[in-house]
Amino acid sequence: MPGFVLLARDRADGDPARRIGITVSKKVGNAVVRNRMKRRFRSLAREVLSAHGLPGHDHVLIGRAGGIERPYADLVRDLVKAIGRVAPRP
């Protein structure tokens, strides 16, 4: 199971910028765990969203329990797959 949920929303404002939001609830762990997960998500977003993100969309990563233990390579694969799922169909 992935360590996050991805939400994507088309801004429909004509701006092709890809924006990111990150949230991790207190259910996931204490402040140290939550901040560590947010740092991993920021790194993940820099790496993956620049190449695979949807232009003109806001992307929100919601951290889930177990995401901190997942290997980084698995998170990259999960995010690429999740972006493919939320991409608009022609």
C-alpha atoms as a PDB file:
ATOM      1  CA  MET A   1       0.000   0.000   0.000  1.00  0.00           C
ATOM      2  CA  PRO A   2       1.403   3.425  -0.934  1.00  0.00           C
ATOM      3  CA  GLY A   3       2.496   5.772   1.821  1.00  0.00           C
ATOM      4  CA  PHE A   4       0.380   8.634   0.494  1.00  0.00           C
ATOM      5  CA  VAL A   5      -2.784   9.684  -1.303  1.00  0.00           C
ATOM      6  CA  LEU A   6      -2.481  11.986  -4.318  1.00  0.00           C
ATOM      7  CA  LEU A   7      -5.138  14.527  -5.192  1.00  0.00           C
ATOM      8  CA  ALA A   8      -4.881  16.644  -8.341  1.00  0.00           C
ATOM      9  CA  ARG A   9      -7.089  19.556  -9.313  1.00  0.00           C
ATOM     10  CA  ASP A  10      -7.052  21.493 -12.565  1.00  0.00           C
ATOM     11  CA  ARG A  11      -6.835  25.207 -11.785  1.00  0.00           C
ATOM     12  CA  ALA A  12      -8.202  26.160 -15.234  1.00  0.00           C
ATOM     13  CA  ASP A  13      -6.424  29.513 -15.067  1.00  0.00           C
ATOM     14  CA  GLY A  14      -4.172  29.068 -18.098  1.00  0.00           C
ATOM     15  CA  ASP A  15      -1.002  28.959 -15.989  1.00  0.00           C
ATOM     16  CA  PRO A  16       0.983  25.776 -16.760  1.00  0.00           C
ATOM     17  CA  ALA A  17       2.770  25.800 -13.367  1.00  0.00           C
ATOM     18  CA  ARG A  18       2.637  22.594 -11.316  1.00  0.00           C
ATOM     19  CA  ARG A  19       1.988  23.354  -7.663  1.00  0.00           C
ATOM     20  CA  ILE A  20       2.351  21.015  -4.702  1.00  0.00           C
ATOM     21  CA  GLY A  21       0.746  20.818  -1.285  1.00  0.00           C
ATOM     22  CA  ILE A  22       1.777  18.404   1.447  1.00  0.00           C
ATOM     23  CA  THR A  23      -0.130  17.380   4.556  1.00  0.00           C
ATOM     24  CA  VAL A  24       0.575  14.749   7.205  1.00  0.00           C
ATOM     25  CA  SER A  25      -1.848  14.328  10.103  1.00  0.00           C
ATOM     26  CA  LYS A  26      -0.986  13.685  13.732  1.00  0.00           C
ATOM     27  CA  LYS A  27      -2.288  10.132  13.337  1.00  0.00           C
ATOM     28  CA  VAL A  28       0.885   9.314  11.402  1.00  0.00           C
ATOM     29  CA  GLY A  29       3.244  10.081  14.273  1.00  0.00           C
ATOM     30  CA  ASN A  30       4.893  12.733  16.352  1.00  0.00           C
ATOM     31  CA  ALA A  31       6.333  15.981  14.961  1.00  0.00           C
ATOM     32  CA  VAL A  32       9.689  14.415  14.140  1.00  0.00           C
ATOM     33  CA  VAL A  33       8.075  11.665  12.049  1.00  0.00           C
ATOM     34  CA  ARG A  34       5.685  14.076  10.315  1.00  0.00           C
ATOM     35  CA  ASN A  35       8.452  16.529   9.413  1.00  0.00           C
ATOM     36  CA  ARG A  36      10.669  13.732   8.129  1.00  0.00           C
ATOM     37  CA  MET A  37       7.824  12.501   5.933  1.00  0.00           C
ATOM     38  CA  LYS A  38       7.217  16.019   4.610  1.00  0.00           C
ATOM     39  CA  ARG A  39      10.915  16.365   3.709  1.00  0.00           C
ATOM     40  CA  ARG A  40      10.738  13.071   1.798  1.00  0.00           C
ATOM     41  CA  PHE A  41       7.599  14.275  -0.020  1.00  0.00           C
ATOM     42  CA  ARG A  42       9.254  17.579  -0.990  1.00  0.00           C
ATOM     43  CA  SER A  43      12.203  15.690  -2.450  1.00  0.00           C
ATOM     44  CA  LEU A  44       9.839  13.313  -4.204  1.00  0.00           C
ATOM     45  CA  ALA A  45       7.867  16.220  -5.676  1.00  0.00           C
ATOM     46  CA  ARG A  46      11.011  17.931  -6.976  1.00  0.00           C
ATOM     47  CA  GLU A  47      12.126  14.730  -8.656  1.00  0.00           C
ATOM     48  CA  VAL A  48       8.843  13.411 -10.056  1.00  0.00           C
ATOM     49  CA  LEU A  49       6.475  16.342 -10.597  1.00  0.00           C
ATOM     50  CA  SER A  50       8.891  18.254 -12.797  1.00  0.00           C
ATOM     51  CA  ALA A  51       8.850  15.372 -15.285  1.00  0.00           C
ATOM     52  CA  HIS A  52       5.477  13.681 -14.743  1.00  0.00           C
ATOM     53  CA  GLY A  53       3.265  16.273 -13.039  1.00  0.00           C
ATOM     54  CA  LEU A  54       0.152  17.582 -14.734  1.00  0.00           C
ATOM     55  CA  PRO A  55       0.604  21.124 -16.097  1.00  0.00           C
ATOM     56  CA  GLY A  56      -1.837  23.645 -14.672  1.00  0.00           C
ATOM     57  CA  HIS A  57      -2.771  21.413 -11.740  1.00  0.00           C
ATOM     58  CA  ASP A  58      -2.466  21.604  -7.984  1.00  0.00           C
ATOM     59  CA  HIS A  59      -1.079  18.333  -6.583  1.00  0.00           C
ATOM     60  CA  VAL A  60      -1.666  17.440  -2.939  1.00  0.00           C
ATOM     61  CA  LEU A  61       0.186  14.608  -1.209  1.00  0.00           C
ATOM     62  CA  ILE A  62      -1.507  13.321   1.937  1.00  0.00           C
ATOM     63  CA  GLY A  63       0.851  11.247   4.078  1.00  0.00           C
ATOM     64  CA  ARG A  64      -0.340   7.910   5.421  1.00  0.00           C
ATOM     65  CA  ALA A  65       0.953   5.683   8.182  1.00  0.00           C
ATOM     66  CA  GLY A  66       3.654   3.414   6.850  1.00  0.00           C
ATOM     67  CA  GLY A  67       4.886   5.940   4.302  1.00  0.00           C
ATOM     68  CA  ILE A  68       7.940   6.763   6.344  1.00  0.00           C
ATOM     69  CA  GLU A  69       9.131   3.134   6.244  1.00  0.00           C
ATOM     70  CA  ARG A  70       8.673   2.698   2.478  1.00  0.00           C
ATOM     71  CA  PRO A  71      11.857   2.790   0.430  1.00  0.00           C
ATOM     72  CA  TYR A  72      12.278   6.000  -1.564  1.00  0.00           C
ATOM     73  CA  ALA A  73      12.385   4.133  -4.900  1.00  0.00           C
ATOM     74  CA  ASP A  74       8.967   2.612  -4.118  1.00  0.00           C
ATOM     75  CA  LEU A  75       7.566   6.069  -3.357  1.00  0.00           C
ATOM     76  CA  VAL A  76       8.842   7.331  -6.724  1.00  0.00           C
ATOM     77  CA  ARG A  77       7.150   4.437  -8.528  1.00  0.00           C
ATOM     78  CA  ASP A  78       3.942   4.956  -6.549  1.00  0.00           C
ATOM     79  CA  LEU A  79       3.819   8.666  -7.376  1.00  0.00           C
ATOM     80  CA  VAL A  80       4.407   8.130 -11.108  1.00  0.00           C
ATOM     81  CA  LYS A  81       1.649   5.518 -11.103  1.00  0.00           C
ATOM     82  CA  ALA A  82      -0.704   7.788  -9.127  1.00  0.00           C
ATOM     83  CA  ILE A  83      -0.135  10.699 -11.526  1.00  0.00           C
ATOM     84  CA  GLY A  84      -1.024   8.369 -14.403  1.00  0.00           C
ATOM     85  CA  ARG A  85      -4.281   7.500 -12.664  1.00  0.00           C
ATOM     86  CA  VAL A  86      -5.355  11.083 -12.005  1.00  0.00           C
ATOM     87  CA  ALA A  87      -4.375  12.338 -15.485  1.00  0.00           C
ATOM     88  CA  PRO A  88      -7.425  13.496 -17.437  1.00  0.00           C
ATOM     89  CA  ARG A  89      -8.607  11.112 -20.097  1.00  0.00           C
ATOM     90  CA  PRO A  90      -8.995  12.525 -23.624  1.00  0.00           C
END
